[in-house]
């Protein structure tokens, strides 16, 4: 199943370590990201405050050594500078909002 409609797929590509399309506003960026099974995102942080929702699949988000599972419809929240990593045990799609300071 295709994770996002054609209008989303026509947005500019995100220049980063995963496949995403981006919608940019004055104080925030919205990413429509898809991750194939087995994708691992190493430990990193953002200057932005991030909230996201899983729209397909499963996200294993590791923050402060604790792994939390997020599935379709679940929201997560990351503070600016908060180190985290992620693993995707199945094909997964996420809508994530990055809010500038």
N, C-alpha and C. Protein backbone atom coordinates (compact mmCIF):
# COMPACT_ATOMS: atom_id res chain seq x y z
N UNK A 1 0.84 -1.19 0.00
CA UNK A 1 0.00 0.00 0.00
C UNK A 1 0.89 1.25 0.00
N UNK A 2 0.54 2.18 -0.83
CA UNK A 2 1.26 3.45 -0.91
C UNK A 2 0.92 4.28 0.33
N UNK A 3 1.95 4.81 1.05
CA UNK A 3 1.67 5.47 2.33
C UNK A 3 0.98 6.83 2.24
N UNK A 4 1.19 7.57 1.13
CA UNK A 4 0.62 8.92 1.04
C UNK A 4 0.01 9.15 -0.34
N UNK A 5 -0.99 10.05 -0.43
CA UNK A 5 -1.62 10.36 -1.72
C UNK A 5 -0.67 11.12 -2.65
N UNK A 6 -1.02 11.17 -3.93
CA UNK A 6 -0.18 11.81 -4.95
C UNK A 6 0.14 13.26 -4.64
N UNK A 7 -0.79 14.01 -4.08
CA UNK A 7 -0.50 15.42 -3.75
C UNK A 7 0.66 15.53 -2.76
N UNK A 8 0.71 14.64 -1.80
CA UNK A 8 1.82 14.63 -0.84
C UNK A 8 3.11 14.22 -1.55
N UNK A 9 3.02 13.21 -2.41
CA UNK A 9 4.20 12.74 -3.14
C UNK A 9 4.77 13.81 -4.08
N UNK A 10 3.97 14.82 -4.42
CA UNK A 10 4.45 15.88 -5.31
C UNK A 10 5.16 17.01 -4.55
N UNK A 11 5.16 16.97 -3.22
CA UNK A 11 5.88 17.97 -2.43
C UNK A 11 7.38 17.80 -2.63
N UNK A 12 8.18 18.84 -2.30
CA UNK A 12 9.64 18.71 -2.42
C UNK A 12 10.18 17.59 -1.53
N UNK A 13 11.23 16.95 -2.01
CA UNK A 13 11.87 15.88 -1.24
C UNK A 13 12.64 16.48 -0.07
N UNK A 14 12.63 15.76 1.04
CA UNK A 14 13.43 16.09 2.21
C UNK A 14 14.86 15.64 1.96
N UNK A 15 15.82 16.51 2.24
CA UNK A 15 17.23 16.17 2.06
C UNK A 15 17.76 15.63 3.38
N UNK A 16 17.64 14.33 3.58
CA UNK A 16 18.04 13.72 4.84
C UNK A 16 18.25 12.24 4.68
N UNK A 17 18.46 11.53 5.80
CA UNK A 17 18.83 10.11 5.76
C UNK A 17 17.65 9.15 5.58
N UNK A 18 16.47 9.66 5.27
CA UNK A 18 15.32 8.79 5.04
C UNK A 18 14.44 9.41 3.96
N UNK A 19 13.52 8.63 3.43
CA UNK A 19 12.65 9.06 2.34
C UNK A 19 11.47 9.85 2.90
N UNK A 20 11.38 11.12 2.53
CA UNK A 20 10.27 11.95 3.02
C UNK A 20 10.00 13.09 2.04
N UNK A 21 8.80 13.60 2.12
CA UNK A 21 8.39 14.81 1.42
C UNK A 21 8.15 15.87 2.49
N UNK A 22 8.39 17.14 2.16
CA UNK A 22 8.27 18.17 3.19
C UNK A 22 7.35 19.29 2.75
N UNK A 23 6.66 19.82 3.74
CA UNK A 23 5.80 20.98 3.61
C UNK A 23 6.33 22.00 4.61
N UNK A 24 6.77 23.15 4.12
CA UNK A 24 7.44 24.12 4.97
C UNK A 24 6.56 25.34 5.21
N UNK A 25 6.50 25.76 6.49
CA UNK A 25 5.78 26.97 6.87
C UNK A 25 6.73 27.94 7.54
N UNK A 26 6.19 29.02 8.09
CA UNK A 26 7.01 30.05 8.72
C UNK A 26 7.78 29.55 9.93
N UNK A 27 7.16 28.74 10.78
CA UNK A 27 7.80 28.31 12.03
C UNK A 27 7.83 26.80 12.20
N UNK A 28 7.49 26.08 11.13
CA UNK A 28 7.46 24.63 11.24
C UNK A 28 7.63 23.97 9.88
N UNK A 29 8.09 22.73 9.92
CA UNK A 29 8.17 21.88 8.74
C UNK A 29 7.42 20.59 9.05
N UNK A 30 6.61 20.14 8.09
CA UNK A 30 5.91 18.87 8.23
C UNK A 30 6.55 17.88 7.27
N UNK A 31 6.96 16.74 7.80
CA UNK A 31 7.56 15.69 6.98
C UNK A 31 6.59 14.52 6.86
N UNK A 32 6.44 14.02 5.65
CA UNK A 32 5.65 12.83 5.36
C UNK A 32 6.68 11.76 4.99
N UNK A 33 7.03 10.91 5.96
CA UNK A 33 8.15 10.00 5.81
C UNK A 33 7.70 8.55 5.72
N UNK A 34 8.45 7.79 4.93
CA UNK A 34 8.20 6.34 4.85
C UNK A 34 9.53 5.61 5.05
N UNK A 35 9.45 4.51 5.78
CA UNK A 35 10.63 3.73 6.16
C UNK A 35 10.40 2.27 5.81
N UNK A 36 11.27 1.67 5.00
CA UNK A 36 11.13 0.24 4.72
C UNK A 36 11.47 -0.61 5.94
N UNK A 37 10.95 -1.81 5.97
CA UNK A 37 11.25 -2.77 7.04
C UNK A 37 12.74 -2.84 7.31
N UNK A 38 13.10 -2.77 8.60
CA UNK A 38 14.48 -2.92 9.00
C UNK A 38 15.28 -1.63 9.05
N UNK A 39 14.67 -0.50 8.68
CA UNK A 39 15.39 0.77 8.72
C UNK A 39 15.78 1.11 10.16
N UNK A 40 17.03 1.54 10.33
CA UNK A 40 17.53 1.99 11.63
C UNK A 40 18.01 3.43 11.48
N UNK A 41 17.61 4.28 12.40
CA UNK A 41 18.08 5.66 12.46
C UNK A 41 18.98 5.75 13.70
N UNK A 42 20.26 6.06 13.53
CA UNK A 42 21.17 6.11 14.69
C UNK A 42 20.86 7.27 15.63
N UNK A 43 21.49 7.25 16.79
CA UNK A 43 21.28 8.28 17.80
C UNK A 43 21.59 9.66 17.22
N UNK A 44 20.67 10.59 17.45
CA UNK A 44 20.81 11.96 16.97
C UNK A 44 19.86 12.85 17.77
N UNK A 45 19.91 14.14 17.50
CA UNK A 45 18.95 15.07 18.11
C UNK A 45 18.64 16.16 17.09
N UNK A 46 17.63 16.96 17.41
CA UNK A 46 17.20 18.07 16.55
C UNK A 46 17.17 19.36 17.36
N UNK A 47 17.35 20.47 16.70
CA UNK A 47 17.18 21.77 17.36
C UNK A 47 15.70 22.11 17.52
N UNK A 48 14.85 21.39 16.80
CA UNK A 48 13.42 21.65 16.80
C UNK A 48 12.70 20.78 17.84
N UNK A 49 11.49 21.19 18.20
CA UNK A 49 10.59 20.34 19.00
C UNK A 49 9.76 19.56 18.01
N UNK A 50 9.69 18.24 18.17
CA UNK A 50 9.04 17.40 17.19
C UNK A 50 7.87 16.63 17.79
N UNK A 51 6.78 16.58 17.05
CA UNK A 51 5.68 15.68 17.36
C UNK A 51 5.34 14.93 16.08
N UNK A 52 4.98 13.67 16.23
CA UNK A 52 4.67 12.87 15.06
C UNK A 52 3.59 11.86 15.35
N UNK A 53 2.99 11.37 14.27
CA UNK A 53 1.97 10.33 14.37
C UNK A 53 2.29 9.23 13.35
N UNK A 54 2.19 8.00 13.80
CA UNK A 54 2.39 6.85 12.92
C UNK A 54 1.10 6.64 12.14
N UNK A 55 1.21 6.58 10.82
CA UNK A 55 0.02 6.38 9.99
C UNK A 55 -0.02 4.98 9.37
N UNK A 56 1.09 4.26 9.49
CA UNK A 56 1.16 2.88 8.98
C UNK A 56 2.37 2.22 9.64
N UNK A 57 2.24 0.98 10.07
CA UNK A 57 3.37 0.24 10.58
C UNK A 57 3.67 0.49 12.05
N UNK A 58 4.96 0.34 12.41
CA UNK A 58 5.40 0.41 13.80
C UNK A 58 6.73 1.15 13.90
N UNK A 59 6.82 2.02 14.90
CA UNK A 59 8.05 2.74 15.23
C UNK A 59 8.52 2.29 16.60
N UNK A 60 9.79 1.88 16.69
CA UNK A 60 10.43 1.64 17.98
C UNK A 60 11.32 2.86 18.21
N UNK A 61 10.93 3.71 19.15
CA UNK A 61 11.66 4.94 19.45
C UNK A 61 12.42 4.75 20.75
N UNK A 62 13.73 4.99 20.71
CA UNK A 62 14.57 4.80 21.88
C UNK A 62 15.02 6.17 22.38
N UNK A 63 14.60 6.50 23.61
CA UNK A 63 14.93 7.77 24.25
C UNK A 63 15.44 7.46 25.65
N UNK A 64 16.61 7.98 26.00
CA UNK A 64 17.21 7.74 27.33
C UNK A 64 17.31 6.25 27.65
N UNK A 65 17.63 5.44 26.64
CA UNK A 65 17.79 4.01 26.86
C UNK A 65 16.50 3.22 26.97
N UNK A 66 15.37 3.89 26.87
CA UNK A 66 14.06 3.23 26.98
C UNK A 66 13.41 3.14 25.60
N UNK A 67 12.99 1.93 25.22
CA UNK A 67 12.32 1.73 23.94
C UNK A 67 10.81 1.79 24.13
N UNK A 68 10.16 2.62 23.32
CA UNK A 68 8.70 2.71 23.30
C UNK A 68 8.20 2.35 21.92
N UNK A 69 7.11 1.58 21.86
CA UNK A 69 6.50 1.18 20.59
C UNK A 69 5.34 2.11 20.25
N UNK A 70 5.32 2.56 19.01
CA UNK A 70 4.23 3.40 18.51
C UNK A 70 3.67 2.73 17.26
N UNK A 71 2.35 2.60 17.23
CA UNK A 71 1.68 1.98 16.10
C UNK A 71 0.69 2.96 15.49
N UNK A 72 0.00 2.53 14.47
CA UNK A 72 -0.90 3.40 13.72
C UNK A 72 -1.82 4.19 14.65
N UNK A 73 -1.77 5.52 14.52
CA UNK A 73 -2.61 6.40 15.33
C UNK A 73 -1.92 6.92 16.58
N UNK A 74 -0.77 6.36 16.94
CA UNK A 74 -0.05 6.80 18.14
C UNK A 74 0.80 8.04 17.83
N UNK A 75 0.80 8.98 18.76
CA UNK A 75 1.60 10.20 18.68
C UNK A 75 2.81 10.10 19.59
N UNK A 76 3.90 10.72 19.20
CA UNK A 76 5.09 10.83 20.05
C UNK A 76 5.55 12.29 20.08
N UNK A 77 6.40 12.62 21.05
CA UNK A 77 6.86 14.00 21.27
C UNK A 77 8.34 13.96 21.66
N UNK A 78 9.15 14.78 21.00
CA UNK A 78 10.56 14.91 21.32
C UNK A 78 10.90 16.38 21.55
N UNK A 79 11.60 16.64 22.64
CA UNK A 79 12.00 18.00 22.97
C UNK A 79 13.23 18.41 22.17
N UNK A 80 13.48 19.71 22.00
CA UNK A 80 14.70 20.14 21.31
C UNK A 80 15.94 19.58 22.03
N UNK A 81 16.87 19.07 21.25
CA UNK A 81 18.11 18.55 21.81
C UNK A 81 18.02 17.16 22.42
N UNK A 82 16.83 16.57 22.48
CA UNK A 82 16.65 15.26 23.10
C UNK A 82 17.22 14.17 22.18
N UNK A 83 18.23 13.45 22.67
CA UNK A 83 18.82 12.39 21.86
C UNK A 83 17.87 11.20 21.76
N UNK A 84 17.82 10.63 20.56
CA UNK A 84 16.94 9.49 20.32
C UNK A 84 17.44 8.71 19.11
N UNK A 85 16.97 7.48 18.99
CA UNK A 85 17.21 6.66 17.81
C UNK A 85 15.92 5.92 17.50
N UNK A 86 15.88 5.27 16.34
CA UNK A 86 14.63 4.62 15.93
C UNK A 86 14.93 3.36 15.14
N UNK A 87 13.97 2.44 15.21
CA UNK A 87 14.01 1.22 14.40
C UNK A 87 12.59 0.97 13.89
N UNK A 88 12.51 0.48 12.65
CA UNK A 88 11.22 0.22 12.01
C UNK A 88 11.14 -1.26 11.64
N UNK A 89 10.44 -2.08 12.45
CA UNK A 89 10.38 -3.52 12.22
C UNK A 89 9.50 -3.94 11.04
N UNK A 90 8.78 -2.99 10.48
CA UNK A 90 7.94 -3.25 9.30
C UNK A 90 7.84 -1.96 8.50
N UNK A 91 7.33 -2.04 7.27
CA UNK A 91 7.13 -0.83 6.48
C UNK A 91 6.29 0.15 7.29
N UNK A 92 6.77 1.38 7.43
CA UNK A 92 6.14 2.34 8.33
C UNK A 92 6.06 3.71 7.66
N UNK A 93 4.99 4.44 7.93
CA UNK A 93 4.82 5.82 7.47
C UNK A 93 4.49 6.69 8.67
N UNK A 94 5.07 7.88 8.67
CA UNK A 94 4.91 8.82 9.79
C UNK A 94 4.72 10.22 9.24
N UNK A 95 3.86 10.99 9.90
CA UNK A 95 3.77 12.43 9.66
C UNK A 95 4.38 13.09 10.88
N UNK A 96 5.44 13.88 10.65
CA UNK A 96 6.17 14.49 11.76
C UNK A 96 6.25 16.00 11.57
N UNK A 97 5.96 16.73 12.63
CA UNK A 97 6.02 18.19 12.62
C UNK A 97 7.24 18.64 13.41
N UNK A 98 8.09 19.45 12.77
CA UNK A 98 9.28 20.01 13.39
C UNK A 98 9.02 21.49 13.63
N UNK A 99 8.90 21.88 14.89
CA UNK A 99 8.60 23.26 15.26
C UNK A 99 9.88 24.01 15.61
N UNK A 100 10.11 25.14 14.92
CA UNK A 100 11.28 25.97 15.22
C UNK A 100 11.14 26.60 16.60
N UNK A 101 12.29 26.96 17.18
CA UNK A 101 12.30 27.61 18.50
C UNK A 101 11.66 28.98 18.39
